[in-house]
């Protein structure tokens, strides 16, 4: 098994109706870069930085590991 770790920042915007809507996820080169990117995305609601490790060839990945959250995050992400 050939494993890889992906680092991701995901932002969320708060709509006028009070719902959190996911923005486009952005991949980063490292955990610290994902955290910085998420912090920058958090201005309109919230953001989360996370990592996933697994085998890209087989599609088998471990559960996401939360690195840091900022602002408002949907409950099912935490």
PDB file of N, CA and C in Angstrom:
ATOM      1  N   UNK A   1       0.843  -1.188   0.000  1.00  0.00           N
ATOM      2  CA  UNK A   1       0.000   0.000   0.000  1.00  0.00           C
ATOM      3  C   UNK A   1       0.880   1.241   0.000  1.00  0.00           C
ATOM      4  N   UNK A   2       0.608   2.147  -0.906  1.00  0.00           N
ATOM      5  CA  UNK A   2       1.343   3.392  -1.035  1.00  0.00           C
ATOM      6  C   UNK A   2       0.488   4.509  -0.454  1.00  0.00           C
ATOM      7  N   UNK A   3       0.862   5.062   0.705  1.00  0.00           N
ATOM      8  CA  UNK A   3       0.020   6.065   1.350  1.00  0.00           C
ATOM      9  C   UNK A   3       0.484   7.479   1.058  1.00  0.00           C
ATOM     10  N   UNK A   4      -0.465   8.382   1.128  1.00  0.00           N
ATOM     11  CA  UNK A   4      -0.208   9.809   0.957  1.00  0.00           C
ATOM     12  C   UNK A   4      -1.099  10.563   1.941  1.00  0.00           C
ATOM     13  N   UNK A   5      -0.641  11.728   2.364  1.00  0.00           N
ATOM     14  CA  UNK A   5      -1.440  12.587   3.230  1.00  0.00           C
ATOM     15  C   UNK A   5      -1.762  13.860   2.483  1.00  0.00           C
ATOM     16  N   UNK A   6      -3.041  14.198   2.476  1.00  0.00           N
ATOM     17  CA  UNK A   6      -3.515  15.417   1.836  1.00  0.00           C
ATOM     18  C   UNK A   6      -3.938  16.397   2.922  1.00  0.00           C
ATOM     19  N   UNK A   7      -3.569  17.660   2.737  1.00  0.00           N
ATOM     20  CA  UNK A   7      -3.930  18.726   3.669  1.00  0.00           C
ATOM     21  C   UNK A   7      -4.913  19.642   2.959  1.00  0.00           C
ATOM     22  N   UNK A   8      -6.010  19.969   3.644  1.00  0.00           N
ATOM     23  CA  UNK A   8      -7.111  20.682   2.999  1.00  0.00           C
ATOM     24  C   UNK A   8      -7.638  21.784   3.904  1.00  0.00           C
ATOM     25  N   UNK A   9      -8.028  22.897   3.284  1.00  0.00           N
ATOM     26  CA  UNK A   9      -8.747  23.972   3.964  1.00  0.00           C
ATOM     27  C   UNK A   9     -10.125  24.067   3.317  1.00  0.00           C
ATOM     28  N   UNK A  10     -11.159  24.151   4.147  1.00  0.00           N
ATOM     29  CA  UNK A  10     -12.551  24.221   3.665  1.00  0.00           C
ATOM     30  C   UNK A  10     -13.230  25.388   4.359  1.00  0.00           C
ATOM     31  N   UNK A  11     -13.719  26.345   3.583  1.00  0.00           N
ATOM     32  CA  UNK A  11     -14.417  27.493   4.144  1.00  0.00           C
ATOM     33  C   UNK A  11     -15.922  27.308   4.121  1.00  0.00           C
ATOM     34  N   UNK A  12     -16.614  28.066   4.964  1.00  0.00           N
ATOM     35  CA  UNK A  12     -18.074  28.056   5.046  1.00  0.00           C
ATOM     36  C   UNK A  12     -18.564  29.497   5.134  1.00  0.00           C
ATOM     37  N   UNK A  13     -19.604  29.802   4.365  1.00  0.00           N
ATOM     38  CA  UNK A  13     -20.211  31.126   4.408  1.00  0.00           C
ATOM     39  C   UNK A  13     -21.568  31.037   5.086  1.00  0.00           C
ATOM     40  N   UNK A  14     -21.878  32.050   5.848  1.00  0.00           N
ATOM     41  CA  UNK A  14     -23.173  32.139   6.505  1.00  0.00           C
ATOM     42  C   UNK A  14     -24.117  32.899   5.575  1.00  0.00           C
ATOM     43  N   UNK A  15     -25.222  32.258   5.169  1.00  0.00           N
ATOM     44  CA  UNK A  15     -26.180  32.906   4.276  1.00  0.00           C
ATOM     45  C   UNK A  15     -27.062  33.872   5.061  1.00  0.00           C
ATOM     46  N   UNK A  16     -27.800  34.701   4.348  1.00  0.00           N
ATOM     47  CA  UNK A  16     -28.726  35.627   5.004  1.00  0.00           C
ATOM     48  C   UNK A  16     -29.791  34.877   5.789  1.00  0.00           C
ATOM     49  N   UNK A  17     -30.090  33.657   5.356  1.00  0.00           N
ATOM     50  CA  UNK A  17     -31.062  32.829   6.060  1.00  0.00           C
ATOM     51  C   UNK A  17     -30.485  32.106   7.279  1.00  0.00           C
ATOM     52  N   UNK A  18     -29.192  32.300   7.541  1.00  0.00           N
ATOM     53  CA  UNK A  18     -28.577  31.709   8.725  1.00  0.00           C
ATOM     54  C   UNK A  18     -27.997  30.319   8.525  1.00  0.00           C
ATOM     55  N   UNK A  19     -27.931  29.857   7.260  1.00  0.00           N
ATOM     56  CA  UNK A  19     -27.352  28.533   6.984  1.00  0.00           C
ATOM     57  C   UNK A  19     -25.879  28.666   6.648  1.00  0.00           C
ATOM     58  N   UNK A  20     -25.115  27.634   6.997  1.00  0.00           N
ATOM     59  CA  UNK A  20     -23.712  27.570   6.597  1.00  0.00           C
ATOM     60  C   UNK A  20     -23.610  26.797   5.291  1.00  0.00           C
ATOM     61  N   UNK A  21     -22.976  27.405   4.303  1.00  0.00           N
ATOM     62  CA  UNK A  21     -22.820  26.791   2.993  1.00  0.00           C
ATOM     63  C   UNK A  21     -21.324  26.608   2.738  1.00  0.00           C
ATOM     64  N   UNK A  22     -20.951  25.405   2.311  1.00  0.00           N
ATOM     65  CA  UNK A  22     -19.544  25.104   2.053  1.00  0.00           C
ATOM     66  C   UNK A  22     -19.064  25.819   0.794  1.00  0.00           C
ATOM     67  N   UNK A  23     -17.858  26.377   0.886  1.00  0.00           N
ATOM     68  CA  UNK A  23     -17.184  26.926  -0.276  1.00  0.00           C
ATOM     69  C   UNK A  23     -16.336  25.827  -0.902  1.00  0.00           C
ATOM     70  N   UNK A  24     -15.483  26.202  -1.826  1.00  0.00           N
ATOM     71  CA  UNK A  24     -14.624  25.222  -2.481  1.00  0.00           C
ATOM     72  C   UNK A  24     -13.446  24.873  -1.581  1.00  0.00           C
ATOM     73  N   UNK A  25     -13.196  23.585  -1.427  1.00  0.00           N
ATOM     74  CA  UNK A  25     -12.051  23.119  -0.647  1.00  0.00           C
ATOM     75  C   UNK A  25     -10.775  23.410  -1.418  1.00  0.00           C
ATOM     76  N   UNK A  26      -9.707  23.719  -0.685  1.00  0.00           N
ATOM     77  CA  UNK A  26      -8.419  23.996  -1.306  1.00  0.00           C
ATOM     78  C   UNK A  26      -7.346  23.122  -0.674  1.00  0.00           C
ATOM     79  N   UNK A  27      -6.591  22.440  -1.512  1.00  0.00           N
ATOM     80  CA  UNK A  27      -5.506  21.595  -1.021  1.00  0.00           C
ATOM     81  C   UNK A  27      -4.302  22.469  -0.698  1.00  0.00           C
ATOM     82  N   UNK A  28      -3.537  22.061   0.314  1.00  0.00           N
ATOM     83  CA  UNK A  28      -2.339  22.781   0.733  1.00  0.00           C
ATOM     84  C   UNK A  28      -1.155  21.817   0.781  1.00  0.00           C
ATOM     85  N   UNK A  29       0.045  22.366   0.840  1.00  0.00           N
ATOM     86  CA  UNK A  29       1.265  21.558   0.829  1.00  0.00           C
ATOM     87  C   UNK A  29       1.617  20.956   2.187  1.00  0.00           C
ATOM     88  N   UNK A  30       1.110  21.558   3.277  1.00  0.00           N
ATOM     89  CA  UNK A  30       1.468  21.095   4.621  1.00  0.00           C
ATOM     90  C   UNK A  30       0.336  21.419   5.586  1.00  0.00           C
ATOM     91  N   UNK A  31       0.450  20.886   6.790  1.00  0.00           N
ATOM     92  CA  UNK A  31      -0.548  21.165   7.823  1.00  0.00           C
ATOM     93  C   UNK A  31      -0.583  22.650   8.147  1.00  0.00           C
ATOM     94  N   UNK A  32       0.575  23.261   8.313  1.00  0.00           N
ATOM     95  CA  UNK A  32       0.610  24.685   8.665  1.00  0.00           C
ATOM     96  C   UNK A  32       0.051  25.547   7.539  1.00  0.00           C
ATOM     97  N   UNK A  33       0.289  25.178   6.290  1.00  0.00           N
ATOM     98  CA  UNK A  33      -0.272  25.927   5.164  1.00  0.00           C
ATOM     99  C   UNK A  33      -1.795  25.788   5.120  1.00  0.00           C
ATOM    100  N   UNK A  34      -2.313  24.608   5.419  1.00  0.00           N
ATOM    101  CA  UNK A  34      -3.771  24.402   5.450  1.00  0.00           C
ATOM    102  C   UNK A  34      -4.400  25.232   6.565  1.00  0.00           C
ATOM    103  N   UNK A  35      -3.747  25.300   7.703  1.00  0.00           N
ATOM    104  CA  UNK A  35      -4.255  26.100   8.827  1.00  0.00           C
ATOM    105  C   UNK A  35      -4.266  27.580   8.460  1.00  0.00           C
ATOM    106  N   UNK A  36      -3.196  28.088   7.874  1.00  0.00           N
ATOM    107  CA  UNK A  36      -3.144  29.502   7.457  1.00  0.00           C
ATOM    108  C   UNK A  36      -4.228  29.807   6.422  1.00  0.00           C
ATOM    109  N   UNK A  37      -4.396  28.910   5.465  1.00  0.00           N
ATOM    110  CA  UNK A  37      -5.404  29.114   4.420  1.00  0.00           C
ATOM    111  C   UNK A  37      -6.810  29.114   5.030  1.00  0.00           C
ATOM    112  N   UNK A  38      -7.082  28.194   5.943  1.00  0.00           N
ATOM    113  CA  UNK A  38      -8.396  28.149   6.595  1.00  0.00           C
ATOM    114  C   UNK A  38      -8.651  29.417   7.400  1.00  0.00           C
ATOM    115  N   UNK A  39      -7.640  29.892   8.081  1.00  0.00           N
ATOM    116  CA  UNK A  39      -7.800  31.129   8.861  1.00  0.00           C
ATOM    117  C   UNK A  39      -8.178  32.295   7.938  1.00  0.00           C
ATOM    118  N   UNK A  40      -7.572  32.356   6.768  1.00  0.00           N
ATOM    119  CA  UNK A  40      -7.896  33.408   5.799  1.00  0.00           C
ATOM    120  C   UNK A  40      -9.295  33.243   5.214  1.00  0.00           C
ATOM    121  N   UNK A  41      -9.793  32.019   5.123  1.00  0.00           N
ATOM    122  CA  UNK A  41     -11.122  31.742   4.563  1.00  0.00           C
ATOM    123  C   UNK A  41     -12.242  32.025   5.558  1.00  0.00           C
ATOM    124  N   UNK A  42     -11.940  32.143   6.821  1.00  0.00           N
ATOM    125  CA  UNK A  42     -12.951  32.158   7.878  1.00  0.00           C
ATOM    126  C   UNK A  42     -13.733  33.461   7.980  1.00  0.00           C
ATOM    127  N   UNK A  43     -13.358  34.484   7.276  1.00  0.00           N
ATOM    128  CA  UNK A  43     -13.965  35.799   7.432  1.00  0.00           C
ATOM    129  C   UNK A  43     -15.456  35.875   7.179  1.00  0.00           C
ATOM    130  N   UNK A  44     -16.026  35.025   6.338  1.00  0.00           N
ATOM    131  CA  UNK A  44     -17.451  35.114   5.991  1.00  0.00           C
ATOM    132  C   UNK A  44     -18.300  34.079   6.720  1.00  0.00           C
ATOM    133  N   UNK A  45     -17.773  33.448   7.711  1.00  0.00           N
ATOM    134  CA  UNK A  45     -18.511  32.435   8.461  1.00  0.00           C
ATOM    135  C   UNK A  45     -17.568  31.606   9.290  1.00  0.00           C
ATOM    136  N   UNK A  46     -16.848  30.698   8.650  1.00  0.00           N
ATOM    137  CA  UNK A  46     -15.911  29.853   9.358  1.00  0.00           C
ATOM    138  C   UNK A  46     -15.101  29.027   8.387  1.00  0.00           C
ATOM    139  N   UNK A  47     -14.194  28.244   8.931  1.00  0.00           N
ATOM    140  CA  UNK A  47     -13.358  27.384   8.089  1.00  0.00           C
ATOM    141  C   UNK A  47     -12.750  26.280   8.942  1.00  0.00           C
ATOM    142  N   UNK A  48     -12.316  25.244   8.257  1.00  0.00           N
ATOM    143  CA  UNK A  48     -11.695  24.117   8.928  1.00  0.00           C
ATOM    144  C   UNK A  48     -10.469  23.686   8.118  1.00  0.00           C
ATOM    145  N   UNK A  49      -9.425  23.296   8.822  1.00  0.00           N
ATOM    146  CA  UNK A  49      -8.247  22.704   8.189  1.00  0.00           C
ATOM    147  C   UNK A  49      -8.198  21.250   8.652  1.00  0.00           C
ATOM    148  N   UNK A  50      -7.990  20.340   7.699  1.00  0.00           N
ATOM    149  CA  UNK A  50      -7.937  18.928   8.062  1.00  0.00           C
ATOM    150  C   UNK A  50      -6.965  18.191   7.157  1.00  0.00           C
ATOM    151  N   UNK A  51      -6.637  16.958   7.553  1.00  0.00           N
ATOM    152  CA  UNK A  51      -5.786  16.106   6.724  1.00  0.00           C
ATOM    153  C   UNK A  51      -6.449  14.748   6.570  1.00  0.00           C
ATOM    154  N   UNK A  52      -6.095  14.077   5.483  1.00  0.00           N
ATOM    155  CA  UNK A  52      -6.558  12.704   5.232  1.00  0.00           C
ATOM    156  C   UNK A  52      -5.373  11.904   4.739  1.00  0.00           C
ATOM    157  N   UNK A  53      -5.215  10.703   5.278  1.00  0.00           N
ATOM    158  CA  UNK A  53      -4.119   9.819   4.887  1.00  0.00           C
ATOM    159  C   UNK A  53      -4.700   8.528   4.354  1.00  0.00           C
ATOM    160  N   UNK A  54      -4.117   8.052   3.262  1.00  0.00           N
ATOM    161  CA  UNK A  54      -4.595   6.800   2.689  1.00  0.00           C
ATOM    162  C   UNK A  54      -3.891   6.463   1.396  1.00  0.00           C
ATOM    163  N   UNK A  55      -4.450   5.508   0.698  1.00  0.00           N
ATOM    164  CA  UNK A  55      -3.890   5.009  -0.548  1.00  0.00           C
ATOM    165  C   UNK A  55      -4.703   5.564  -1.719  1.00  0.00           C
ATOM    166  N   UNK A  56      -4.140   6.519  -2.477  1.00  0.00           N
ATOM    167  CA  UNK A  56      -4.886   7.096  -3.591  1.00  0.00           C
ATOM    168  C   UNK A  56      -5.256   6.073  -4.670  1.00  0.00           C
ATOM    169  N   UNK A  57      -4.444   5.052  -4.856  1.00  0.00           N
ATOM    170  CA  UNK A  57      -4.715   4.055  -5.901  1.00  0.00           C
ATOM    171  C   UNK A  57      -5.952   3.224  -5.583  1.00  0.00           C
ATOM    172  N   UNK A  58      -6.113   2.859  -4.311  1.00  0.00           N
ATOM    173  CA  UNK A  58      -7.250   2.020  -3.932  1.00  0.00           C
ATOM    174  C   UNK A  58      -8.452   2.836  -3.465  1.00  0.00           C
ATOM    175  N   UNK A  59      -8.198   4.106  -3.080  1.00  0.00           N
ATOM    176  CA  UNK A  59      -9.273   4.939  -2.560  1.00  0.00           C
ATOM    177  C   UNK A  59      -9.557   4.713  -1.085  1.00  0.00           C
ATOM    178  N   UNK A  60      -8.744   3.890  -0.415  1.00  0.00           N
ATOM    179  CA  UNK A  60      -8.920   3.629   1.018  1.00  0.00           C
ATOM    180  C   UNK A  60      -8.234   4.726   1.824  1.00  0.00           C
ATOM    181  N   UNK A  61      -9.035   5.502   2.556  1.00  0.00           N
ATOM    182  CA  UNK A  61      -8.509   6.589   3.366  1.00  0.00           C
ATOM    183  C   UNK A  61      -9.007   6.469   4.792  1.00  0.00           C
ATOM    184  N   UNK A  62      -8.160   6.906   5.733  1.00  0.00           N
ATOM    185  CA  UNK A  62      -8.555   6.991   7.135  1.00  0.00           C
ATOM    186  C   UNK A  62      -9.541   8.147   7.285  1.00  0.00           C
ATOM    187  N   UNK A  63     -10.200   8.212   8.431  1.00  0.00           N
ATOM    188  CA  UNK A  63     -11.057   9.354   8.719  1.00  0.00           C
ATOM    189  C   UNK A  63     -10.213  10.624   8.722  1.00  0.00           C
ATOM    190  N   UNK A  64     -10.841  11.732   8.377  1.00  0.00           N
ATOM    191  CA  UNK A  64     -10.151  13.016   8.381  1.00  0.00           C
ATOM    192  C   UNK A  64      -9.711  13.373   9.796  1.00  0.00           C
ATOM    193  N   UNK A  65      -8.565  14.011   9.884  1.00  0.00           N
ATOM    194  CA  UNK A  65      -8.044  14.486  11.170  1.00  0.00           C
ATOM    195  C   UNK A  65      -8.142  16.007  11.165  1.00  0.00           C
ATOM    196  N   UNK A  66      -8.910  16.567  12.079  1.00  0.00           N
ATOM    197  CA  UNK A  66      -9.087  18.012  12.153  1.00  0.00           C
ATOM    198  C   UNK A  66      -7.813  18.634  12.715  1.00  0.00           C
ATOM    199  N   UNK A  67      -7.281  19.615  11.984  1.00  0.00           N
ATOM    200  CA  UNK A  67      -6.085  20.325  12.427  1.00  0.00           C
ATOM    201  C   UNK A  67      -6.449  21.564  13.227  1.00  0.00           C
ATOM    202  N   UNK A  68      -7.447  22.327  12.738  1.00  0.00           N
ATOM    203  CA  UNK A  68      -7.887  23.530  13.446  1.00  0.00           C
ATOM    204  C   UNK A  68      -9.185  24.028  12.824  1.00  0.00           C
ATOM    205  N   UNK A  69     -10.027  24.651  13.645  1.00  0.00           N
ATOM    206  CA  UNK A  69     -11.268  25.255  13.152  1.00  0.00           C
ATOM    207  C   UNK A  69     -11.265  26.741  13.487  1.00  0.00           C
ATOM    208  N   UNK A  70     -11.994  27.502  12.681  1.00  0.00           N
ATOM    209  CA  UNK A  70     -12.132  28.949  12.866  1.00  0.00           C
ATOM    210  C   UNK A  70     -13.588  29.322  12.658  1.00  0.00           C
ATOM    211  N   UNK A  71     -14.151  30.120  13.548  1.00  0.00           N
ATOM    212  CA  UNK A  71     -15.517  30.621  13.375  1.00  0.00           C
ATOM    213  C   UNK A  71     -16.554  29.533  13.427  1.00  0.00           C
ATOM    214  N   UNK A  72     -17.580  29.689  12.601  1.00  0.00           N
ATOM    215  CA  UNK A  72     -18.729  28.783  12.589  1.00  0.00           C
ATOM    216  C   UNK A  72     -18.465  27.595  11.660  1.00  0.00           C
ATOM    217  N   UNK A  73     -18.678  26.398  12.183  1.00  0.00           N
ATOM    218  CA  UNK A  73     -18.486  25.152  11.433  1.00  0.00           C
ATOM    219  C   UNK A  73     -19.746  24.303  11.607  1.00  0.00           C
ATOM    220  N   UNK A  74     -20.250  23.687  10.532  1.00  0.00           N
ATOM    221  CA  UNK A  74     -21.402  22.791  10.694  1.00  0.00           C
ATOM    222  C   UNK A  74     -21.081  21.694  11.726  1.00  0.00           C
ATOM    223  N   UNK A  75     -22.068  21.335  12.511  1.00  0.00           N
ATOM    224  CA  UNK A  75     -21.871  20.347  13.584  1.00  0.00           C
ATOM    225  C   UNK A  75     -21.365  19.014  13.081  1.00  0.00           C
ATOM    226  N   UNK A  76     -21.757  18.610  11.884  1.00  0.00           N
ATOM    227  CA  UNK A  76     -21.337  17.306  11.391  1.00  0.00           C
ATOM    228  C   UNK A  76     -19.877  17.286  10.909  1.00  0.00           C
ATOM    229  N   UNK A  77     -19.181  18.415  10.976  1.00  0.00           N
ATOM    230  CA  UNK A  77     -17.769  18.474  10.615  1.00  0.00           C
ATOM    231  C   UNK A  77     -16.861  18.330  11.822  1.00  0.00           C
ATOM    232  N   UNK A  78     -17.400  18.471  12.999  1.00  0.00           N
ATOM    233  CA  UNK A  78     -16.568  18.460  14.212  1.00  0.00           C
ATOM    234  C   UNK A  78     -16.674  17.138  14.932  1.00  0.00           C
TER     235      UNK A  78
END
